[in-house]
Amino acid sequence: MTDDDRVASDYDLIAECYARELSGELTGKPLDRALLRYVVHQADGRGPVGDLGCGPGHLTHPKGR
């Protein structure tokens, strides 16, 4: 097992809990919600937007819309 495999395995162990704990993160962050709406508006019709290195993608996952 490589170091990358070990990191991926460890992340998989905590990913669901991490996403569950942060699922309501934007509730009290109106500025963050506004900034995300702006990004969505700017990207409209231009194709996918990457959410890279930002945790489990709980804020930008298509099911979260």
PDB file of N, CA and C in Angstrom:
ATOM      1  N   MET A   1       0.854  -1.181   0.000  1.00  0.00           N
ATOM      2  CA  MET A   1       0.000   0.000   0.000  1.00  0.00           C
ATOM      3  C   MET A   1       0.895   1.238   0.000  1.00  0.00           C
ATOM      4  N   THR A   2       0.588   2.151  -0.909  1.00  0.00           N
ATOM      5  CA  THR A   2       1.373   3.380  -1.008  1.00  0.00           C
ATOM      6  C   THR A   2       0.889   4.397   0.024  1.00  0.00           C
ATOM      7  N   ASP A   3       1.666   5.453   0.183  1.00  0.00           N
ATOM      8  CA  ASP A   3       1.243   6.541   1.076  1.00  0.00           C
ATOM      9  C   ASP A   3      -0.077   7.143   0.600  1.00  0.00           C
ATOM     10  N   ASP A   4      -0.227   7.305  -0.709  1.00  0.00           N
ATOM     11  CA  ASP A   4      -1.479   7.847  -1.250  1.00  0.00           C
ATOM     12  C   ASP A   4      -2.657   6.942  -0.910  1.00  0.00           C
ATOM     13  N   ASP A   5      -2.452   5.635  -0.999  1.00  0.00           N
ATOM     14  CA  ASP A   5      -3.523   4.685  -0.651  1.00  0.00           C
ATOM     15  C   ASP A   5      -3.898   4.804   0.822  1.00  0.00           C
ATOM     16  N   ARG A   6      -2.899   4.969   1.673  1.00  0.00           N
ATOM     17  CA  ARG A   6      -3.165   5.097   3.115  1.00  0.00           C
ATOM     18  C   ARG A   6      -3.939   6.384   3.412  1.00  0.00           C
ATOM     19  N   VAL A   7      -3.550   7.468   2.762  1.00  0.00           N
ATOM     20  CA  VAL A   7      -4.258   8.735   2.967  1.00  0.00           C
ATOM     21  C   VAL A   7      -5.704   8.600   2.492  1.00  0.00           C
ATOM     22  N   ALA A   8      -5.902   8.025   1.316  1.00  0.00           N
ATOM     23  CA  ALA A   8      -7.255   7.853   0.788  1.00  0.00           C
ATOM     24  C   ALA A   8      -8.089   6.970   1.707  1.00  0.00           C
ATOM     25  N   SER A   9      -7.501   5.922   2.219  1.00  0.00           N
ATOM     26  CA  SER A   9      -8.209   5.007   3.118  1.00  0.00           C
ATOM     27  C   SER A   9      -8.603   5.716   4.412  1.00  0.00           C
ATOM     28  N   ASP A  10      -7.686   6.469   4.976  1.00  0.00           N
ATOM     29  CA  ASP A  10      -7.984   7.212   6.210  1.00  0.00           C
ATOM     30  C   ASP A  10      -9.077   8.251   5.966  1.00  0.00           C
ATOM     31  N   TYR A  11      -9.008   8.940   4.842  1.00  0.00           N
ATOM     32  CA  TYR A  11     -10.021   9.936   4.529  1.00  0.00           C
ATOM     33  C   TYR A  11     -11.390   9.272   4.399  1.00  0.00           C
ATOM     34  N   ASP A  12     -11.435   8.125   3.722  1.00  0.00           N
ATOM     35  CA  ASP A  12     -12.701   7.409   3.559  1.00  0.00           C
ATOM     36  C   ASP A  12     -13.333   7.054   4.901  1.00  0.00           C
ATOM     37  N   LEU A  13     -12.514   6.804   5.896  1.00  0.00           N
ATOM     38  CA  LEU A  13     -13.031   6.452   7.212  1.00  0.00           C
ATOM     39  C   LEU A  13     -13.790   7.600   7.875  1.00  0.00           C
ATOM     40  N   ILE A  14     -13.385   8.817   7.593  1.00  0.00           N
ATOM     41  CA  ILE A  14     -14.011   9.963   8.268  1.00  0.00           C
ATOM     42  C   ILE A  14     -14.868  10.840   7.365  1.00  0.00           C
ATOM     43  N   ALA A  15     -14.904  10.568   6.057  1.00  0.00           N
ATOM     44  CA  ALA A  15     -15.576  11.463   5.107  1.00  0.00           C
ATOM     45  C   ALA A  15     -17.060  11.653   5.403  1.00  0.00           C
ATOM     46  N   GLU A  16     -17.785  10.577   5.671  1.00  0.00           N
ATOM     47  CA  GLU A  16     -19.220  10.713   5.924  1.00  0.00           C
ATOM     48  C   GLU A  16     -19.502  11.527   7.180  1.00  0.00           C
ATOM     49  N   CYS A  17     -18.748  11.284   8.229  1.00  0.00           N
ATOM     50  CA  CYS A  17     -18.923  12.040   9.477  1.00  0.00           C
ATOM     51  C   CYS A  17     -18.593  13.515   9.239  1.00  0.00           C
ATOM     52  N   TYR A  18     -17.523  13.765   8.536  1.00  0.00           N
ATOM     53  CA  TYR A  18     -17.099  15.130   8.227  1.00  0.00           C
ATOM     54  C   TYR A  18     -18.207  15.872   7.479  1.00  0.00           C
ATOM     55  N   ALA A  19     -18.764  15.242   6.440  1.00  0.00           N
ATOM     56  CA  ALA A  19     -19.827  15.870   5.657  1.00  0.00           C
ATOM     57  C   ALA A  19     -21.076  16.106   6.504  1.00  0.00           C
ATOM     58  N   ARG A  20     -21.406  15.148   7.349  1.00  0.00           N
ATOM     59  CA  ARG A  20     -22.592  15.286   8.206  1.00  0.00           C
ATOM     60  C   ARG A  20     -22.417  16.447   9.182  1.00  0.00           C
ATOM     61  N   GLU A  21     -21.257  16.562   9.777  1.00  0.00           N
ATOM     62  CA  GLU A  21     -20.991  17.620  10.757  1.00  0.00           C
ATOM     63  C   GLU A  21     -21.010  19.010  10.121  1.00  0.00           C
ATOM     64  N   LEU A  22     -20.640  19.107   8.850  1.00  0.00           N
ATOM     65  CA  LEU A  22     -20.545  20.402   8.185  1.00  0.00           C
ATOM     66  C   LEU A  22     -21.711  20.701   7.269  1.00  0.00           C
ATOM     67  N   SER A  23     -22.717  19.845   7.236  1.00  0.00           N
ATOM     68  CA  SER A  23     -23.802  19.991   6.265  1.00  0.00           C
ATOM     69  C   SER A  23     -24.576  21.301   6.410  1.00  0.00           C
ATOM     70  N   GLY A  24     -24.657  21.878   7.586  1.00  0.00           N
ATOM     71  CA  GLY A  24     -25.362  23.145   7.779  1.00  0.00           C
ATOM     72  C   GLY A  24     -24.437  24.332   7.887  1.00  0.00           C
ATOM     73  N   GLU A  25     -23.238  24.178   7.409  1.00  0.00           N
ATOM     74  CA  GLU A  25     -22.194  25.190   7.580  1.00  0.00           C
ATOM     75  C   GLU A  25     -22.589  26.576   7.074  1.00  0.00           C
ATOM     76  N   LEU A  26     -23.330  26.658   5.996  1.00  0.00           N
ATOM     77  CA  LEU A  26     -23.661  27.964   5.421  1.00  0.00           C
ATOM     78  C   LEU A  26     -24.858  28.646   6.057  1.00  0.00           C
ATOM     79  N   THR A  27     -25.518  27.993   6.969  1.00  0.00           N
ATOM     80  CA  THR A  27     -26.717  28.563   7.587  1.00  0.00           C
ATOM     81  C   THR A  27     -26.459  29.944   8.167  1.00  0.00           C
ATOM     82  N   GLY A  28     -25.386  30.108   8.877  1.00  0.00           N
ATOM     83  CA  GLY A  28     -25.079  31.390   9.510  1.00  0.00           C
ATOM     84  C   GLY A  28     -24.032  32.196   8.786  1.00  0.00           C
ATOM     85  N   LYS A  29     -23.859  31.958   7.478  1.00  0.00           N
ATOM     86  CA  LYS A  29     -22.825  32.657   6.718  1.00  0.00           C
ATOM     87  C   LYS A  29     -23.421  33.304   5.465  1.00  0.00           C
ATOM     88  N   PRO A  30     -24.150  34.404   5.635  1.00  0.00           N
ATOM     89  CA  PRO A  30     -24.784  35.029   4.472  1.00  0.00           C
ATOM     90  C   PRO A  30     -23.788  35.517   3.411  1.00  0.00           C
ATOM     91  N   LEU A  31     -22.627  35.989   3.827  1.00  0.00           N
ATOM     92  CA  LEU A  31     -21.637  36.454   2.851  1.00  0.00           C
ATOM     93  C   LEU A  31     -21.138  35.279   2.004  1.00  0.00           C
ATOM     94  N   ASP A  32     -20.847  34.160   2.637  1.00  0.00           N
ATOM     95  CA  ASP A  32     -20.394  32.984   1.892  1.00  0.00           C
ATOM     96  C   ASP A  32     -21.465  32.522   0.903  1.00  0.00           C
ATOM     97  N   ARG A  33     -22.728  32.538   1.324  1.00  0.00           N
ATOM     98  CA  ARG A  33     -23.811  32.150   0.421  1.00  0.00           C
ATOM     99  C   ARG A  33     -23.881  33.107  -0.771  1.00  0.00           C
ATOM    100  N   ALA A  34     -23.721  34.391  -0.510  1.00  0.00           N
ATOM    101  CA  ALA A  34     -23.747  35.385  -1.595  1.00  0.00           C
ATOM    102  C   ALA A  34     -22.580  35.173  -2.555  1.00  0.00           C
ATOM    103  N   LEU A  35     -21.415  34.896  -2.034  1.00  0.00           N
ATOM    104  CA  LEU A  35     -20.255  34.663  -2.900  1.00  0.00           C
ATOM    105  C   LEU A  35     -20.448  33.418  -3.759  1.00  0.00           C
ATOM    106  N   LEU A  36     -21.011  32.366  -3.184  1.00  0.00           N
ATOM    107  CA  LEU A  36     -21.275  31.153  -3.962  1.00  0.00           C
ATOM    108  C   LEU A  36     -22.321  31.408  -5.049  1.00  0.00           C
ATOM    109  N   ARG A  37     -23.358  32.185  -4.720  1.00  0.00           N
ATOM    110  CA  ARG A  37     -24.349  32.541  -5.748  1.00  0.00           C
ATOM    111  C   ARG A  37     -23.689  33.315  -6.889  1.00  0.00           C
ATOM    112  N   TYR A  38     -22.753  34.191  -6.553  1.00  0.00           N
ATOM    113  CA  TYR A  38     -22.036  34.961  -7.569  1.00  0.00           C
ATOM    114  C   TYR A  38     -21.229  34.030  -8.475  1.00  0.00           C
ATOM    115  N   VAL A  39     -20.539  33.085  -7.895  1.00  0.00           N
ATOM    116  CA  VAL A  39     -19.753  32.135  -8.688  1.00  0.00           C
ATOM    117  C   VAL A  39     -20.674  31.348  -9.618  1.00  0.00           C
ATOM    118  N   VAL A  40     -21.799  30.893  -9.098  1.00  0.00           N
ATOM    119  CA  VAL A  40     -22.761  30.148  -9.920  1.00  0.00           C
ATOM    120  C   VAL A  40     -23.236  31.030 -11.080  1.00  0.00           C
ATOM    121  N   HIS A  41     -23.560  32.274 -10.781  1.00  0.00           N
ATOM    122  CA  HIS A  41     -24.023  33.200 -11.819  1.00  0.00           C
ATOM    123  C   HIS A  41     -22.942  33.399 -12.890  1.00  0.00           C
ATOM    124  N   GLN A  42     -21.714  33.621 -12.477  1.00  0.00           N
ATOM    125  CA  GLN A  42     -20.616  33.861 -13.419  1.00  0.00           C
ATOM    126  C   GLN A  42     -20.310  32.631 -14.272  1.00  0.00           C
ATOM    127  N   ALA A  43     -20.500  31.447 -13.703  1.00  0.00           N
ATOM    128  CA  ALA A  43     -20.172  30.201 -14.411  1.00  0.00           C
ATOM    129  C   ALA A  43     -21.319  29.694 -15.270  1.00  0.00           C
ATOM    130  N   ASP A  44     -22.495  30.275 -15.129  1.00  0.00           N
ATOM    131  CA  ASP A  44     -23.683  29.793 -15.838  1.00  0.00           C
ATOM    132  C   ASP A  44     -23.417  29.685 -17.342  1.00  0.00           C
ATOM    133  N   GLY A  45     -23.606  28.486 -17.866  1.00  0.00           N
ATOM    134  CA  GLY A  45     -23.421  28.242 -19.291  1.00  0.00           C
ATOM    135  C   GLY A  45     -21.990  28.033 -19.726  1.00  0.00           C
ATOM    136  N   ARG A  46     -21.050  28.099 -18.800  1.00  0.00           N
ATOM    137  CA  ARG A  46     -19.634  27.947 -19.161  1.00  0.00           C
ATOM    138  C   ARG A  46     -19.091  26.550 -18.893  1.00  0.00           C
ATOM    139  N   GLY A  47     -19.887  25.697 -18.287  1.00  0.00           N
ATOM    140  CA  GLY A  47     -19.430  24.346 -17.989  1.00  0.00           C
ATOM    141  C   GLY A  47     -19.225  24.151 -16.510  1.00  0.00           C
ATOM    142  N   PRO A  48     -18.688  23.008 -16.144  1.00  0.00           N
ATOM    143  CA  PRO A  48     -18.520  22.674 -14.721  1.00  0.00           C
ATOM    144  C   PRO A  48     -17.512  23.584 -14.015  1.00  0.00           C
ATOM    145  N   VAL A  49     -17.710  23.736 -12.725  1.00  0.00           N
ATOM    146  CA  VAL A  49     -16.790  24.468 -11.866  1.00  0.00           C
ATOM    147  C   VAL A  49     -16.204  23.458 -10.889  1.00  0.00           C
ATOM    148  N   GLY A  50     -14.897  23.443 -10.731  1.00  0.00           N
ATOM    149  CA  GLY A  50     -14.253  22.489  -9.828  1.00  0.00           C
ATOM    150  C   GLY A  50     -14.251  22.975  -8.391  1.00  0.00           C
ATOM    151  N   ASP A  51     -14.531  22.056  -7.483  1.00  0.00           N
ATOM    152  CA  ASP A  51     -14.450  22.289  -6.044  1.00  0.00           C
ATOM    153  C   ASP A  51     -13.303  21.407  -5.571  1.00  0.00           C
ATOM    154  N   LEU A  52     -12.077  21.896  -5.736  1.00  0.00           N
ATOM    155  CA  LEU A  52     -10.892  21.076  -5.505  1.00  0.00           C
ATOM    156  C   LEU A  52     -10.202  21.423  -4.198  1.00  0.00           C
ATOM    157  N   GLY A  53      -9.903  20.407  -3.431  1.00  0.00           N
ATOM    158  CA  GLY A  53      -9.189  20.615  -2.179  1.00  0.00           C
ATOM    159  C   GLY A  53     -10.004  21.342  -1.134  1.00  0.00           C
ATOM    160  N   CYS A  54     -11.316  21.198  -1.202  1.00  0.00           N
ATOM    161  CA  CYS A  54     -12.212  21.940  -0.310  1.00  0.00           C
ATOM    162  C   CYS A  54     -13.050  21.008   0.555  1.00  0.00           C
ATOM    163  N   GLY A  55     -12.467  19.934   1.024  1.00  0.00           N
ATOM    164  CA  GLY A  55     -13.217  18.989   1.841  1.00  0.00           C
ATOM    165  C   GLY A  55     -14.013  18.028   0.982  1.00  0.00           C
ATOM    166  N   PRO A  56     -15.147  17.561   1.491  1.00  0.00           N
ATOM    167  CA  PRO A  56     -15.906  16.529   0.786  1.00  0.00           C
ATOM    168  C   PRO A  56     -16.818  17.070  -0.312  1.00  0.00           C
ATOM    169  N   GLY A  57     -16.760  18.358  -0.592  1.00  0.00           N
ATOM    170  CA  GLY A  57     -17.597  18.926  -1.631  1.00  0.00           C
ATOM    171  C   GLY A  57     -19.041  19.123  -1.194  1.00  0.00           C
ATOM    172  N   HIS A  58     -19.270  19.194   0.082  1.00  0.00           N
ATOM    173  CA  HIS A  58     -20.630  19.288   0.611  1.00  0.00           C
ATOM    174  C   HIS A  58     -21.340  20.591   0.256  1.00  0.00           C
ATOM    175  N   LEU A  59     -20.593  21.622  -0.066  1.00  0.00           N
ATOM    176  CA  LEU A  59     -21.223  22.906  -0.401  1.00  0.00           C
ATOM    177  C   LEU A  59     -21.618  22.979  -1.864  1.00  0.00           C
ATOM    178  N   THR A  60     -20.885  22.313  -2.720  1.00  0.00           N
ATOM    179  CA  THR A  60     -21.110  22.465  -4.154  1.00  0.00           C
ATOM    180  C   THR A  60     -21.580  21.194  -4.822  1.00  0.00           C
ATOM    181  N   HIS A  61     -21.859  20.170  -4.063  1.00  0.00           N
ATOM    182  CA  HIS A  61     -22.337  18.923  -4.642  1.00  0.00           C
ATOM    183  C   HIS A  61     -23.690  19.170  -5.302  1.00  0.00           C
ATOM    184  N   PRO A  62     -23.902  18.625  -6.516  1.00  0.00           N
ATOM    185  CA  PRO A  62     -25.179  18.865  -7.207  1.00  0.00           C
ATOM    186  C   PRO A  62     -26.414  18.507  -6.379  1.00  0.00           C
ATOM    187  N   LYS A  63     -26.343  17.489  -5.524  1.00  0.00           N
ATOM    188  CA  LYS A  63     -27.494  17.112  -4.714  1.00  0.00           C
ATOM    189  C   LYS A  63     -27.786  18.155  -3.641  1.00  0.00           C
ATOM    190  N   GLY A  64     -26.809  19.019  -3.345  1.00  0.00           N
ATOM    191  CA  GLY A  64     -26.982  20.040  -2.331  1.00  0.00           C
ATOM    192  C   GLY A  64     -27.701  21.280  -2.832  1.00  0.00           C
ATOM    193  N   ARG A  65     -28.007  21.331  -4.121  1.00  0.00           N
ATOM    194  CA  ARG A  65     -28.670  22.513  -4.699  1.00  0.00           C
ATOM    195  C   ARG A  65     -30.104  22.593  -4.309  1.00  0.00           C
TER     196      ARG A  65
END
